[in-house]
Amino acid sequence: MRSRAASGTLRLNGWPSMFLIGQLALAWPVGRLFPDSLVALELFTVGVGLVGVLAAYWTLRQFLSAGRAALSLALMLLSPLYAPLAMSFMTDVPAFATQACCLALGVRALATRTASRLAWLTAASFAVGVVGFTIREYAIVAPVAVGLVLLVRALA
C-alpha cells in the first residue's frame, strides 16, 4: 500500500493473491493520508470489521433473540482467527463485513412491503456484494444467496 500511495501504481509481489482490488480502493484514502502507517491501515480494517459485526448482529436479531444473537457473534469474535485478522490489513475481515452488510440489506429487502424500497434495497445489497467480491472472490456467495431467496419468493 505504501508504494501505491507514493507512486500511484500497484505492484504485486508475485505471490498468488486474491482479488484485493476492492480493499485497496476502499483503503486508498487512508494510505494516501498516512502513507507510512501500517497502524492506520490496521485501524481501517478494525473499523470495517466493526461495521460487519454490527450488520451481522442486526441480521441475526431478525431471526434470534438478543442473547442468542450476541452468543453467535461472541463465538465468532472469540475464535482464534477473528482477532488476529481484524488487527491486520488482510482481506478476510473486510470481505466478511461486506458479506454481512449484503445479507443485512437483503433481509431488510425481504421484509419491505413497497416495490420501490424492495428495488432500492436489493440494488444496494447487490452493490455491496459486488464490492465484497472485489475484495475476496468467495464473497460473491452473499449476493447470490440474496438473489436466490428473492427469486424463490417472487416465484412462490
Protein backbone atom coordinates (compact mmCIF):
# COMPACT_ATOMS: atom_id res chain seq x y z
CA MET A 1 0.00 0.00 0.00
CA ARG A 2 2.88 2.33 0.80
CA SER A 3 4.33 2.05 -2.72
CA ARG A 4 0.88 2.55 -4.23
CA ALA A 5 0.26 5.67 -2.17
CA ALA A 6 3.69 7.10 -3.01
CA SER A 7 3.83 6.23 -6.70
CA GLY A 8 0.18 5.95 -7.70
CA THR A 9 0.84 2.47 -9.09
CA LEU A 10 0.19 -1.01 -7.78
CA ARG A 11 2.98 -3.57 -7.82
CA LEU A 12 2.14 -7.08 -6.64
CA ASN A 13 4.86 -9.26 -5.20
CA GLY A 14 4.13 -12.30 -7.39
CA TRP A 15 2.54 -14.37 -4.64
CA PRO A 16 -0.78 -15.97 -5.53
CA SER A 17 -3.24 -13.38 -4.36
CA MET A 18 -6.95 -12.80 -4.00
CA PHE A 19 -8.82 -10.18 -5.96
CA LEU A 20 -7.85 -7.44 -3.45
CA ILE A 21 -8.77 -4.52 -5.73
CA GLY A 22 -11.83 -3.55 -3.67
CA GLN A 23 -9.88 -3.42 -0.43
CA LEU A 24 -7.14 -1.33 -1.99
CA ALA A 25 -9.73 1.07 -3.43
CA LEU A 26 -11.54 1.39 -0.08
CA ALA A 27 -8.29 1.88 1.84
CA TRP A 28 -6.69 4.21 -0.69
CA PRO A 29 -7.70 7.41 1.19
CA VAL A 30 -6.17 6.01 4.39
CA GLY A 31 -2.97 5.07 2.57
CA ARG A 32 -2.86 8.48 0.95
CA LEU A 33 -3.34 10.37 4.24
CA PHE A 34 -0.95 8.13 6.18
CA PRO A 35 1.44 6.70 3.56
CA ASP A 36 3.91 5.16 6.01
CA SER A 37 1.44 3.94 8.62
CA LEU A 38 0.57 0.27 8.82
CA VAL A 39 -1.31 1.11 12.03
CA ALA A 40 -3.68 3.37 10.07
CA LEU A 41 -4.45 0.51 7.66
CA GLU A 42 -4.95 -1.88 10.57
CA LEU A 43 -7.34 0.60 12.22
CA PHE A 44 -9.18 0.84 8.90
CA THR A 45 -9.63 -2.94 8.99
CA VAL A 46 -10.84 -2.80 12.61
CA GLY A 47 -13.40 -0.12 11.66
CA VAL A 48 -14.65 -2.07 8.66
CA GLY A 49 -14.84 -5.17 10.85
CA LEU A 50 -16.94 -3.29 13.41
CA VAL A 51 -19.42 -2.35 10.67
CA GLY A 52 -19.58 -6.02 9.70
CA VAL A 53 -20.15 -7.14 13.28
CA LEU A 54 -23.00 -4.64 13.69
CA ALA A 55 -24.57 -5.75 10.40
CA ALA A 56 -24.24 -9.40 11.39
CA TYR A 57 -25.81 -8.70 14.79
CA TRP A 58 -28.73 -6.84 13.19
CA THR A 59 -29.29 -9.72 10.75
CA LEU A 60 -29.11 -12.34 13.48
CA ARG A 61 -31.58 -10.33 15.57
CA GLN A 62 -34.15 -10.69 12.80
CA PHE A 63 -34.16 -14.45 13.48
CA LEU A 64 -32.83 -14.94 17.03
CA SER A 65 -33.29 -13.49 20.48
CA ALA A 66 -30.83 -10.83 21.63
CA GLY A 67 -28.95 -13.34 23.78
CA ARG A 68 -28.59 -15.92 21.04
CA ALA A 69 -27.52 -13.30 18.51
CA ALA A 70 -24.92 -11.99 20.95
CA LEU A 71 -23.70 -15.52 21.67
CA SER A 72 -23.37 -16.19 17.92
CA LEU A 73 -21.24 -13.09 17.47
CA ALA A 74 -19.22 -13.80 20.61
CA LEU A 75 -18.32 -17.22 19.20
CA MET A 76 -17.11 -15.59 16.00
CA LEU A 77 -15.24 -12.75 17.70
CA LEU A 78 -13.54 -15.07 20.22
CA SER A 79 -12.47 -17.60 17.62
CA PRO A 80 -8.72 -17.97 17.15
CA LEU A 81 -8.94 -16.37 13.69
CA TYR A 82 -11.05 -13.22 14.00
CA ALA A 83 -8.93 -11.06 16.34
CA PRO A 84 -5.60 -11.60 14.54
CA LEU A 85 -7.25 -10.98 11.17
CA ALA A 86 -9.11 -7.92 12.43
CA MET A 87 -5.80 -6.38 13.51
CA SER A 88 -4.21 -6.85 10.11
CA PHE A 89 -4.64 -5.43 6.64
CA MET A 90 -5.65 -8.82 5.26
CA THR A 91 -8.80 -9.23 3.17
CA ASP A 92 -10.75 -11.64 5.39
CA VAL A 93 -12.40 -9.12 7.70
CA PRO A 94 -13.36 -6.58 5.00
CA ALA A 95 -14.81 -9.44 2.92
CA PHE A 96 -16.78 -10.62 5.96
CA ALA A 97 -18.03 -7.08 6.56
CA THR A 98 -19.30 -6.69 3.00
CA GLN A 99 -20.98 -10.09 3.16
CA ALA A 100 -22.66 -9.19 6.46
CA CYS A 101 -23.86 -5.85 5.06
CA CYS A 102 -25.05 -7.50 1.85
CA LEU A 103 -27.09 -10.04 3.83
CA ALA A 104 -28.46 -7.35 6.17
CA LEU A 105 -29.66 -5.31 3.21
CA GLY A 106 -31.11 -8.44 1.61
CA VAL A 107 -33.00 -9.39 4.78
CA ARG A 108 -34.32 -5.83 5.02
CA ALA A 109 -35.39 -6.01 1.35
CA LEU A 110 -37.32 -9.20 2.04
CA ALA A 111 -39.16 -7.52 4.91
CA THR A 112 -40.24 -4.45 2.93
CA ARG A 113 -43.72 -4.00 1.52
CA THR A 114 -43.17 -1.41 -1.22
CA ALA A 115 -41.78 -2.18 -4.67
CA SER A 116 -39.55 0.90 -4.83
CA ARG A 117 -37.98 0.16 -1.45
CA LEU A 118 -37.53 -3.50 -2.45
CA ALA A 119 -35.74 -2.41 -5.63
CA TRP A 120 -33.53 0.08 -3.79
CA LEU A 121 -32.55 -2.33 -1.01
CA THR A 122 -31.95 -5.17 -3.48
CA ALA A 123 -29.72 -2.95 -5.62
CA ALA A 124 -27.83 -1.80 -2.53
CA SER A 125 -27.42 -5.39 -1.36
CA PHE A 126 -26.05 -6.47 -4.75
CA ALA A 127 -23.75 -3.43 -4.94
CA VAL A 128 -22.24 -4.17 -1.53
CA GLY A 129 -21.95 -7.83 -2.54
CA VAL A 130 -20.04 -6.90 -5.69
CA VAL A 131 -17.69 -4.75 -3.61
CA GLY A 132 -17.15 -7.81 -1.40
CA PHE A 133 -16.37 -9.86 -4.49
CA THR A 134 -13.70 -7.33 -5.48
CA ILE A 135 -12.09 -7.90 -2.07
CA ARG A 136 -12.31 -11.71 -1.93
CA GLU A 137 -13.85 -13.89 -4.61
CA TYR A 138 -15.82 -16.06 -2.18
CA ALA A 139 -17.82 -13.03 -1.05
CA ILE A 140 -19.96 -13.47 -4.18
CA VAL A 141 -21.90 -16.08 -2.20
CA ALA A 142 -23.80 -13.42 -0.24
CA PRO A 143 -25.40 -11.57 -3.20
CA VAL A 144 -26.08 -14.90 -4.94
CA ALA A 145 -27.90 -16.10 -1.80
CA VAL A 146 -29.90 -12.87 -1.62
CA GLY A 147 -30.77 -13.16 -5.31
CA LEU A 148 -31.86 -16.79 -4.99
CA VAL A 149 -34.09 -16.07 -2.00
CA LEU A 150 -35.66 -13.10 -3.79
CA LEU A 151 -36.20 -15.23 -6.90
CA VAL A 152 -37.79 -18.08 -4.94
CA ARG A 153 -40.02 -15.63 -3.10
CA ALA A 154 -41.08 -13.96 -6.36
CA LEU A 155 -41.93 -17.33 -7.92
CA ALA A 156 -43.92 -18.50 -4.88
